[in-house]
Amino acid sequence: MNTHTALTLPSPGRTEAPAIPAAPASDAPPAPPMLSIRHVSKHYGGVPAVQDVSFDVPAGRITGFVGPNGAGKSTVLRMALGLTRPDAGEVTVDGAPFADAAAPGRTVGALLSAESLPGHMTVRGHLGWAAATQGLPRRRVREVLEAVGLPHAGRRRIKGLSLGMRQRVGLAAALLGEPRLLVLDEPLNGLDTDAILALRSLLTDYAARGNTVLLSSHLMAELARVVDHVVMIRGGRLVAAGPLSDFESSGRTLEDAYLHLVHG
């Protein structure tokens, strides 16, 4: 059975924290999750990387995915995208396996590693190729470059870009098909303050239009500014999942919750 720690954190001067109150009942049925991960496990050479992990990514929200290095985050994200086959369990995107999507690039966009971008290509050449493979109009290249703040970088070769600029090129590629689900693994790496602020605004606006974002990062303070929902894993197992407000109860920050639940 897949279990995880209850979201109750000790308050200063107390040995136990009060239970988190239940949310008010609502007559409206909850929207189905955009991404559903059910009892997934993955082993490499007999060593467990992910063990019986289950969680949902709510539609139209930004979900933060956190855990220490080696916790299994990247493996979970690769299984969510159909890039790695789980040994057990299942993953569905909008109620169906991602492999069954008629237009994958318009269903899910992903940035897993800026290092995987083809260094020999120009920015515009790479994005143009990606757009063509998805049957997208060429104008999308210009639109996504403007969206990530690189309107004049199209002729530059990717290998000559800084890490932060490569991250933004990868994000531009993920945005090409205007996907309903955006999966981003450590997209803040290499970004300066202005770029982080711009990314925060972009993701907030993207979700406000009804899209869904799953975002991993080690920057707890920045995550807390943008996410609605949080999933924590440790040692390949789920630790906790729920609304951000649950993790920030009793005057605690998301970082406090992380330290208590993951390292406590």
C-alpha atoms as a PDB file:
ATOM      1  CA  MET A   1       0.000   0.000   0.000  1.00  0.00           C
ATOM      2  CA  ASN A   2       1.249   3.454  -0.851  1.00  0.00           C
ATOM      3  CA  THR A   3       1.360   5.687   2.231  1.00  0.00           C
ATOM      4  CA  HIS A   4       2.657   9.140   2.937  1.00  0.00           C
ATOM      5  CA  THR A   5       3.167  11.416   5.883  1.00  0.00           C
ATOM      6  CA  ALA A   6       0.241  13.493   7.116  1.00  0.00           C
ATOM      7  CA  LEU A   7       0.758  17.205   6.629  1.00  0.00           C
ATOM      8  CA  THR A   8       1.039  18.208  10.291  1.00  0.00           C
ATOM      9  CA  LEU A   9       4.088  20.197  11.324  1.00  0.00           C
ATOM     10  CA  PRO A  10       5.239  20.925  14.873  1.00  0.00           C
ATOM     11  CA  SER A  11       4.632  24.511  15.984  1.00  0.00           C
ATOM     12  CA  PRO A  12       7.146  26.429  18.087  1.00  0.00           C
ATOM     13  CA  GLY A  13       6.774  25.479  21.739  1.00  0.00           C
ATOM     14  CA  ARG A  14       4.463  22.554  21.026  1.00  0.00           C
ATOM     15  CA  THR A  15       5.142  18.862  20.725  1.00  0.00           C
ATOM     16  CA  GLU A  16       2.290  18.244  18.295  1.00  0.00           C
ATOM     17  CA  ALA A  17       0.713  20.348  15.597  1.00  0.00           C
ATOM     18  CA  PRO A  18      -3.052  20.686  15.304  1.00  0.00           C
ATOM     19  CA  ALA A  19      -4.650  18.696  12.524  1.00  0.00           C
ATOM     20  CA  ILE A  20      -5.248  20.561   9.305  1.00  0.00           C
ATOM     21  CA  PRO A  21      -8.960  21.421   9.119  1.00  0.00           C
ATOM     22  CA  ALA A  22     -10.941  19.877   6.318  1.00  0.00           C
ATOM     23  CA  ALA A  23     -11.827  22.127   3.412  1.00  0.00           C
ATOM     24  CA  PRO A  24     -15.453  23.261   3.223  1.00  0.00           C
ATOM     25  CA  ALA A  25     -17.688  20.894   1.323  1.00  0.00           C
ATOM     26  CA  SER A  26     -18.548  21.875  -2.227  1.00  0.00           C
ATOM     27  CA  ASP A  27     -21.487  20.804  -4.347  1.00  0.00           C
ATOM     28  CA  ALA A  28     -19.435  21.012  -7.553  1.00  0.00           C
ATOM     29  CA  PRO A  29     -17.672  17.765  -8.504  1.00  0.00           C
ATOM     30  CA  PRO A  30     -13.876  18.090  -8.623  1.00  0.00           C
ATOM     31  CA  ALA A  31     -12.336  18.396 -12.062  1.00  0.00           C
ATOM     32  CA  PRO A  32     -10.530  15.237 -13.187  1.00  0.00           C
ATOM     33  CA  PRO A  33      -6.738  15.483 -12.849  1.00  0.00           C
ATOM     34  CA  MET A  34      -4.727  16.389 -15.922  1.00  0.00           C
ATOM     35  CA  LEU A  35      -2.018  13.910 -14.930  1.00  0.00           C
ATOM     36  CA  SER A  36      -2.637  10.826 -12.817  1.00  0.00           C
ATOM     37  CA  ILE A  37       0.169   8.599 -11.574  1.00  0.00           C
ATOM     38  CA  ARG A  38      -0.930   5.331  -9.991  1.00  0.00           C
ATOM     39  CA  HIS A  39       1.343   2.933  -8.094  1.00  0.00           C
ATOM     40  CA  VAL A  40       4.335   3.393 -10.387  1.00  0.00           C
ATOM     41  CA  SER A  41       7.611   1.656  -9.592  1.00  0.00           C
ATOM     42  CA  LYS A  42      10.929   1.509 -11.406  1.00  0.00           C
ATOM     43  CA  HIS A  43      14.106  -0.469 -10.735  1.00  0.00           C
ATOM     44  CA  TYR A  44      17.513  -0.122 -12.363  1.00  0.00           C
ATOM     45  CA  GLY A  45      19.701  -3.212 -12.081  1.00  0.00           C
ATOM     46  CA  GLY A  46      17.605  -4.448  -9.188  1.00  0.00           C
ATOM     47  CA  VAL A  47      17.947  -1.155  -7.304  1.00  0.00           C
ATOM     48  CA  PRO A  48      14.615   0.625  -6.660  1.00  0.00           C
ATOM     49  CA  ALA A  49      14.498   4.169  -8.049  1.00  0.00           C
ATOM     50  CA  VAL A  50      10.749   4.740  -7.580  1.00  0.00           C
ATOM     51  CA  GLN A  51       8.540   2.639  -5.325  1.00  0.00           C
ATOM     52  CA  ASP A  52       4.740   2.557  -5.492  1.00  0.00           C
ATOM     53  CA  VAL A  53       4.260   6.289  -6.091  1.00  0.00           C
ATOM     54  CA  SER A  54       0.755   7.673  -6.651  1.00  0.00           C
ATOM     55  CA  PHE A  55      -0.386  11.285  -7.007  1.00  0.00           C
ATOM     56  CA  ASP A  56      -2.549  13.544  -9.170  1.00  0.00           C
ATOM     57  CA  VAL A  57      -1.697  16.826 -10.865  1.00  0.00           C
ATOM     58  CA  PRO A  58      -4.857  18.983 -10.729  1.00  0.00           C
ATOM     59  CA  ALA A  59      -6.027  20.471 -14.014  1.00  0.00           C
ATOM     60  CA  GLY A  60      -5.569  24.220 -14.443  1.00  0.00           C
ATOM     61  CA  ARG A  61      -3.070  24.449 -11.578  1.00  0.00           C
ATOM     62  CA  ILE A  62       0.673  24.673 -11.050  1.00  0.00           C
ATOM     63  CA  THR A  63       2.026  21.730  -9.070  1.00  0.00           C
ATOM     64  CA  GLY A  64       5.470  21.806  -7.483  1.00  0.00           C
ATOM     65  CA  PHE A  65       7.377  18.510  -7.428  1.00  0.00           C
ATOM     66  CA  VAL A  66      10.127  18.465  -4.806  1.00  0.00           C
ATOM     67  CA  GLY A  67      12.604  16.114  -3.201  1.00  0.00           C
ATOM     68  CA  PRO A  68      16.351  15.803  -2.615  1.00  0.00           C
ATOM     69  CA  ASN A  69      18.798  14.762  -5.310  1.00  0.00           C
ATOM     70  CA  GLY A  70      18.348  11.086  -6.116  1.00  0.00           C
ATOM     71  CA  ALA A  71      14.783  11.018  -4.796  1.00  0.00           C
ATOM     72  CA  GLY A  72      13.399   9.781  -8.119  1.00  0.00           C
ATOM     73  CA  LYS A  73      11.889  13.014  -9.445  1.00  0.00           C
ATOM     74  CA  SER A  74      13.425  12.799 -12.905  1.00  0.00           C
ATOM     75  CA  THR A  75      12.469   9.124 -13.206  1.00  0.00           C
ATOM     76  CA  VAL A  76       8.860   9.933 -12.323  1.00  0.00           C
ATOM     77  CA  LEU A  77       8.797  12.756 -14.871  1.00  0.00           C
ATOM     78  CA  ARG A  78      10.229  10.489 -17.571  1.00  0.00           C
ATOM     79  CA  MET A  79       7.584   7.867 -16.809  1.00  0.00           C
ATOM     80  CA  ALA A  80       4.892  10.555 -16.953  1.00  0.00           C
ATOM     81  CA  LEU A  81       6.087  11.480 -20.448  1.00  0.00           C
ATOM     82  CA  GLY A  82       6.321   7.904 -21.682  1.00  0.00           C
ATOM     83  CA  LEU A  83      10.115   8.148 -22.031  1.00  0.00           C
ATOM     84  CA  THR A  84      10.711   5.477 -19.380  1.00  0.00           C
ATOM     85  CA  ARG A  85       8.462   2.448 -18.980  1.00  0.00           C
ATOM     86  CA  PRO A  86       7.444   1.761 -15.367  1.00  0.00           C
ATOM     87  CA  ASP A  87       7.957  -1.746 -14.001  1.00  0.00           C
ATOM     88  CA  ALA A  88       4.529  -1.469 -12.401  1.00  0.00           C
ATOM     89  CA  GLY A  89       1.653   0.998 -12.252  1.00  0.00           C
ATOM     90  CA  GLU A  90       0.197   3.338 -14.839  1.00  0.00           C
ATOM     91  CA  VAL A  91       0.275   6.958 -15.932  1.00  0.00           C
ATOM     92  CA  THR A  92      -2.590   8.754 -17.661  1.00  0.00           C
ATOM     93  CA  VAL A  93      -2.741  12.226 -19.177  1.00  0.00           C
ATOM     94  CA  ASP A  94      -6.241  13.676 -19.345  1.00  0.00           C
ATOM     95  CA  GLY A  95      -7.638  10.208 -18.649  1.00  0.00           C
ATOM     96  CA  ALA A  96      -5.636   8.244 -21.242  1.00  0.00           C
ATOM     97  CA  PRO A  97      -2.058   6.994 -21.711  1.00  0.00           C
ATOM     98  CA  PHE A  98       0.148   9.691 -23.216  1.00  0.00           C
ATOM     99  CA  ALA A  99       1.115   7.280 -26.013  1.00  0.00           C
ATOM    100  CA  ASP A 100      -2.518   7.343 -27.192  1.00  0.00           C
ATOM    101  CA  ALA A 101      -2.601  11.134 -27.653  1.00  0.00           C
ATOM    102  CA  ALA A 102      -3.494  12.077 -31.230  1.00  0.00           C
ATOM    103  CA  ALA A 103      -1.345  15.227 -31.057  1.00  0.00           C
ATOM    104  CA  PRO A 104       1.293  14.645 -28.338  1.00  0.00           C
ATOM    105  CA  GLY A 105       2.956  18.059 -28.720  1.00  0.00           C
ATOM    106  CA  ARG A 106      -0.380  19.796 -28.220  1.00  0.00           C
ATOM    107  CA  THR A 107      -1.162  17.653 -25.190  1.00  0.00           C
ATOM    108  CA  VAL A 108       2.146  17.778 -23.305  1.00  0.00           C
ATOM    109  CA  GLY A 109       5.195  20.021 -23.613  1.00  0.00           C
ATOM    110  CA  ALA A 110       8.328  19.223 -21.635  1.00  0.00           C
ATOM    111  CA  LEU A 111      11.707  20.614 -20.648  1.00  0.00           C
ATOM    112  CA  LEU A 112      13.765  17.913 -18.933  1.00  0.00           C
ATOM    113  CA  SER A 113      17.336  19.017 -19.682  1.00  0.00           C
ATOM    114  CA  ALA A 114      18.708  21.992 -21.552  1.00  0.00           C
ATOM    115  CA  GLU A 115      21.887  19.958 -22.071  1.00  0.00           C
ATOM    116  CA  SER A 116      20.035  17.724 -24.538  1.00  0.00           C
ATOM    117  CA  LEU A 117      19.437  20.573 -27.001  1.00  0.00           C
ATOM    118  CA  PRO A 118      21.359  20.191 -30.291  1.00  0.00           C
ATOM    119  CA  GLY A 119      24.318  22.524 -29.880  1.00  0.00           C
ATOM    120  CA  HIS A 120      25.190  22.626 -33.578  1.00  0.00           C
ATOM    121  CA  MET A 121      21.808  24.107 -34.546  1.00  0.00           C
ATOM    122  CA  THR A 122      20.705  27.706 -34.360  1.00  0.00           C
ATOM    123  CA  VAL A 123      17.891  28.588 -31.996  1.00  0.00           C
ATOM    124  CA  ARG A 124      15.510  29.314 -34.864  1.00  0.00           C
ATOM    125  CA  GLY A 125      16.611  26.194 -36.735  1.00  0.00           C
ATOM    126  CA  HIS A 126      15.916  23.931 -33.767  1.00  0.00           C
ATOM    127  CA  LEU A 127      12.543  25.494 -33.013  1.00  0.00           C
ATOM    128  CA  GLY A 128      11.600  25.483 -36.693  1.00  0.00           C
ATOM    129  CA  TRP A 129      12.390  21.772 -36.918  1.00  0.00           C
ATOM    130  CA  ALA A 130      10.387  21.075 -33.741  1.00  0.00           C
ATOM    131  CA  ALA A 131       7.421  23.070 -35.066  1.00  0.00           C
ATOM    132  CA  ALA A 132       7.512  21.250 -38.410  1.00  0.00           C
ATOM    133  CA  THR A 133       7.512  17.806 -36.767  1.00  0.00           C
ATOM    134  CA  GLN A 134       4.343  18.788 -34.894  1.00  0.00           C
ATOM    135  CA  GLY A 135       2.623  20.298 -37.920  1.00  0.00           C
ATOM    136  CA  LEU A 136       2.689  23.763 -36.378  1.00  0.00           C
ATOM    137  CA  PRO A 137       2.828  27.067 -38.280  1.00  0.00           C
ATOM    138  CA  ARG A 138       6.225  28.730 -38.575  1.00  0.00           C
ATOM    139  CA  ARG A 139       4.939  31.835 -36.783  1.00  0.00           C
ATOM    140  CA  ARG A 140       4.962  29.843 -33.531  1.00  0.00           C
ATOM    141  CA  VAL A 141       8.758  30.062 -33.505  1.00  0.00           C
ATOM    142  CA  ARG A 142       8.641  33.852 -33.316  1.00  0.00           C
ATOM    143  CA  GLU A 143       5.813  33.774 -30.767  1.00  0.00           C
ATOM    144  CA  VAL A 144       7.534  31.424 -28.324  1.00  0.00           C
ATOM    145  CA  LEU A 145      10.858  33.256 -28.600  1.00  0.00           C
ATOM    146  CA  GLU A 146       9.069  36.451 -27.642  1.00  0.00           C
ATOM    147  CA  ALA A 147       7.281  34.630 -24.808  1.00  0.00           C
ATOM    148  CA  VAL A 148      10.570  33.516 -23.219  1.00  0.00           C
ATOM    149  CA  GLY A 149      12.340  36.837 -23.768  1.00  0.00           C
ATOM    150  CA  LEU A 150      14.640  35.782 -26.623  1.00  0.00           C
ATOM    151  CA  PRO A 151      13.187  37.593 -29.646  1.00  0.00           C
ATOM    152  CA  HIS A 152      16.616  38.372 -31.127  1.00  0.00           C
ATOM    153  CA  ALA A 153      18.419  35.087 -30.389  1.00  0.00           C
ATOM    154  CA  GLY A 154      17.115  33.117 -33.368  1.00  0.00           C
ATOM    155  CA  ARG A 155      20.359  33.143 -35.384  1.00  0.00           C
ATOM    156  CA  ARG A 156      22.633  32.160 -32.504  1.00  0.00           C
ATOM    157  CA  ARG A 157      23.974  28.631 -32.207  1.00  0.00           C
ATOM    158  CA  ILE A 158      22.718  26.814 -29.134  1.00  0.00           C
ATOM    159  CA  LYS A 159      26.220  25.661 -28.089  1.00  0.00           C
ATOM    160  CA  GLY A 160      27.251  29.304 -27.643  1.00  0.00           C
ATOM    161  CA  LEU A 161      24.427  30.161 -25.251  1.00  0.00           C
ATOM    162  CA  SER A 162      24.627  30.397 -21.475  1.00  0.00           C
ATOM    163  CA  LEU A 163      22.803  27.778 -19.390  1.00  0.00           C
ATOM    164  CA  GLY A 164      20.046  30.268 -18.616  1.00  0.00           C
ATOM    165  CA  MET A 165      19.503  31.037 -22.297  1.00  0.00           C
ATOM    166  CA  ARG A 166      19.502  27.330 -23.177  1.00  0.00           C
ATOM    167  CA  GLN A 167      16.882  26.799 -20.492  1.00  0.00           C
ATOM    168  CA  ARG A 168      14.717  29.436 -22.133  1.00  0.00           C
ATOM    169  CA  VAL A 169      15.185  27.864 -25.567  1.00  0.00           C
ATOM    170  CA  GLY A 170      14.077  24.536 -24.085  1.00  0.00           C
ATOM    171  CA  LEU A 171      11.055  26.227 -22.563  1.00  0.00           C
ATOM    172  CA  ALA A 172      10.240  27.823 -25.916  1.00  0.00           C
ATOM    173  CA  ALA A 173      10.309  24.380 -27.538  1.00  0.00           C
ATOM    174  CA  ALA A 174       7.983  23.027 -24.841  1.00  0.00           C
ATOM    175  CA  LEU A 175       5.530  25.868 -25.494  1.00  0.00           C
ATOM    176  CA  LEU A 176       5.389  25.467 -29.282  1.00  0.00           C
ATOM    177  CA  GLY A 177       2.220  23.363 -29.394  1.00  0.00           C
ATOM    178  CA  GLU A 178       0.466  25.375 -26.659  1.00  0.00           C
ATOM    179  CA  PRO A 179       0.123  22.120 -24.691  1.00  0.00           C
ATOM    180  CA  ARG A 180      -2.487  21.615 -22.013  1.00  0.00           C
ATOM    181  CA  LEU A 181       0.179  20.125 -19.720  1.00  0.00           C
ATOM    182  CA  LEU A 182       3.662  21.586 -19.280  1.00  0.00           C
ATOM    183  CA  VAL A 183       6.277  19.412 -17.521  1.00  0.00           C
ATOM    184  CA  LEU A 184       9.427  21.265 -16.428  1.00  0.00           C
ATOM    185  CA  ASP A 185      12.396  19.695 -14.618  1.00  0.00           C
ATOM    186  CA  GLU A 186      14.472  22.332 -12.783  1.00  0.00           C
ATOM    187  CA  PRO A 187      13.701  25.130 -15.271  1.00  0.00           C
ATOM    188  CA  LEU A 188      15.086  27.774 -12.893  1.00  0.00           C
ATOM    189  CA  ASN A 189      18.662  26.471 -13.132  1.00  0.00           C
ATOM    190  CA  GLY A 190      20.936  29.123 -14.594  1.00  0.00           C
ATOM    191  CA  LEU A 191      18.292  31.852 -14.669  1.00  0.00           C
ATOM    192  CA  ASP A 192      19.048  35.306 -13.304  1.00  0.00           C
ATOM    193  CA  THR A 193      16.570  37.217 -11.162  1.00  0.00           C
ATOM    194  CA  ASP A 194      14.873  38.967 -14.081  1.00  0.00           C
ATOM    195  CA  ALA A 195      14.464  35.683 -15.959  1.00  0.00           C
ATOM    196  CA  ILE A 196      13.015  33.986 -12.864  1.00  0.00           C
ATOM    197  CA  LEU A 197      10.482  36.787 -12.455  1.00  0.00           C
ATOM    198  CA  ALA A 198       9.558  36.530 -16.130  1.00  0.00           C
ATOM    199  CA  LEU A 199       9.148  32.747 -15.884  1.00  0.00           C
ATOM    200  CA  ARG A 200       6.944  33.140 -12.821  1.00  0.00           C
ATOM    201  CA  SER A 201       4.666  35.519 -14.733  1.00  0.00           C
ATOM    202  CA  LEU A 202       4.618  33.257 -17.802  1.00  0.00           C
ATOM    203  CA  LEU A 203       3.639  30.153 -15.812  1.00  0.00           C
ATOM    204  CA  THR A 204       1.013  31.982 -13.778  1.00  0.00           C
ATOM    205  CA  ASP A 205      -0.599  33.348 -16.942  1.00  0.00           C
ATOM    206  CA  TYR A 206      -0.369  29.942 -18.624  1.00  0.00           C
ATOM    207  CA  ALA A 207      -2.255  28.239 -15.802  1.00  0.00           C
ATOM    208  CA  ALA A 208      -4.783  31.087 -15.626  1.00  0.00           C
ATOM    209  CA  ARG A 209      -5.760  30.193 -19.199  1.00  0.00           C
ATOM    210  CA  GLY A 210      -6.775  26.716 -18.042  1.00  0.00           C
ATOM    211  CA  ASN A 211      -3.493  24.913 -18.667  1.00  0.00           C
ATOM    212  CA  THR A 212      -1.620  22.711 -16.197  1.00  0.00           C
ATOM    213  CA  VAL A 213       2.013  22.865 -15.072  1.00  0.00           C
ATOM    214  CA  LEU A 214       4.135  20.275 -13.243  1.00  0.00           C
ATOM    215  CA  LEU A 215       7.328  21.963 -12.068  1.00  0.00           C
ATOM    216  CA  SER A 216      10.291  20.521 -10.172  1.00  0.00           C
ATOM    217  CA  SER A 217      12.760  22.787  -8.396  1.00  0.00           C
ATOM    218  CA  HIS A 218      15.040  22.983  -5.371  1.00  0.00           C
ATOM    219  CA  LEU A 219      14.158  26.659  -4.836  1.00  0.00           C
ATOM    220  CA  MET A 220      11.419  26.390  -2.215  1.00  0.00           C
ATOM    221  CA  ALA A 221      10.863  30.113  -1.749  1.00  0.00           C
ATOM    222  CA  GLU A 222      10.352  30.608  -5.477  1.00  0.00           C
ATOM    223  CA  LEU A 223       8.088  27.564  -5.774  1.00  0.00           C
ATOM    224  CA  ALA A 224       5.920  28.893  -2.968  1.00  0.00           C
ATOM    225  CA  ARG A 225       5.312  32.063  -5.003  1.00  0.00           C
ATOM    226  CA  VAL A 226       3.914  30.238  -8.019  1.00  0.00           C
ATOM    227  CA  VAL A 227       2.494  26.791  -7.154  1.00  0.00           C
ATOM    228  CA  ASP A 228      -0.997  25.854  -5.981  1.00  0.00           C
ATOM    229  CA  HIS A 229      -0.254  22.219  -5.162  1.00  0.00           C
ATOM    230  CA  VAL A 230       2.821  20.353  -3.894  1.00  0.00           C
ATOM    231  CA  VAL A 231       4.106  16.779  -4.200  1.00  0.00           C
ATOM    232  CA  MET A 232       7.108  15.661  -2.118  1.00  0.00           C
ATOM    233  CA  ILE A 233       9.116  12.468  -2.574  1.00  0.00           C
ATOM    234  CA  ARG A 234      12.113  10.992  -0.772  1.00  0.00           C
ATOM    235  CA  GLY A 235      14.032   7.821  -1.491  1.00  0.00           C
ATOM    236  CA  GLY A 236      11.744   6.968  -4.387  1.00  0.00           C
ATOM    237  CA  ARG A 237       8.620   7.076  -2.231  1.00  0.00           C
ATOM    238  CA  LEU A 238       5.838   9.607  -1.860  1.00  0.00           C
ATOM    239  CA  VAL A 239       6.109  11.637   1.330  1.00  0.00           C
ATOM    240  CA  ALA A 240       3.212  14.083   1.028  1.00  0.00           C
ATOM    241  CA  ALA A 241       0.908  15.687  -1.523  1.00  0.00           C
ATOM    242  CA  GLY A 242      -1.728  18.388  -1.253  1.00  0.00           C
ATOM    243  CA  PRO A 243      -2.553  22.078  -1.645  1.00  0.00           C
ATOM    244  CA  LEU A 244       0.218  24.568  -0.870  1.00  0.00           C
ATOM    245  CA  SER A 245      -1.891  25.941   1.980  1.00  0.00           C
ATOM    246  CA  ASP A 246      -1.590  22.589   3.782  1.00  0.00           C
ATOM    247  CA  PHE A 247       2.193  22.780   3.751  1.00  0.00           C
ATOM    248  CA  GLU A 248       2.198  26.399   4.917  1.00  0.00           C
ATOM    249  CA  SER A 249      -0.156  25.882   7.861  1.00  0.00           C
ATOM    250  CA  SER A 250       0.647  27.067  11.407  1.00  0.00           C
ATOM    251  CA  GLY A 251       2.781  29.933  10.134  1.00  0.00           C
ATOM    252  CA  ARG A 252       5.308  27.646   8.470  1.00  0.00           C
ATOM    253  CA  THR A 253       6.881  28.122   5.058  1.00  0.00           C
ATOM    254  CA  LEU A 254       7.117  25.536   2.304  1.00  0.00           C
ATOM    255  CA  GLU A 255      10.813  25.220   3.117  1.00  0.00           C
ATOM    256  CA  ASP A 256       9.946  24.475   6.764  1.00  0.00           C
ATOM    257  CA  ALA A 257       7.548  21.766   5.606  1.00  0.00           C
ATOM    258  CA  TYR A 258      10.167  20.317   3.275  1.00  0.00           C
ATOM    259  CA  LEU A 259      12.798  20.149   5.993  1.00  0.00           C
ATOM    260  CA  HIS A 260      10.366  18.516   8.426  1.00  0.00           C
ATOM    261  CA  LEU A 261       8.799  16.005   6.050  1.00  0.00           C
ATOM    262  CA  VAL A 262      11.832  15.116   3.941  1.00  0.00           C
ATOM    263  CA  HIS A 263      14.724  15.573   6.356  1.00  0.00           C
ATOM    264  CA  GLY A 264      12.961  15.456   9.727  1.00  0.00           C
END
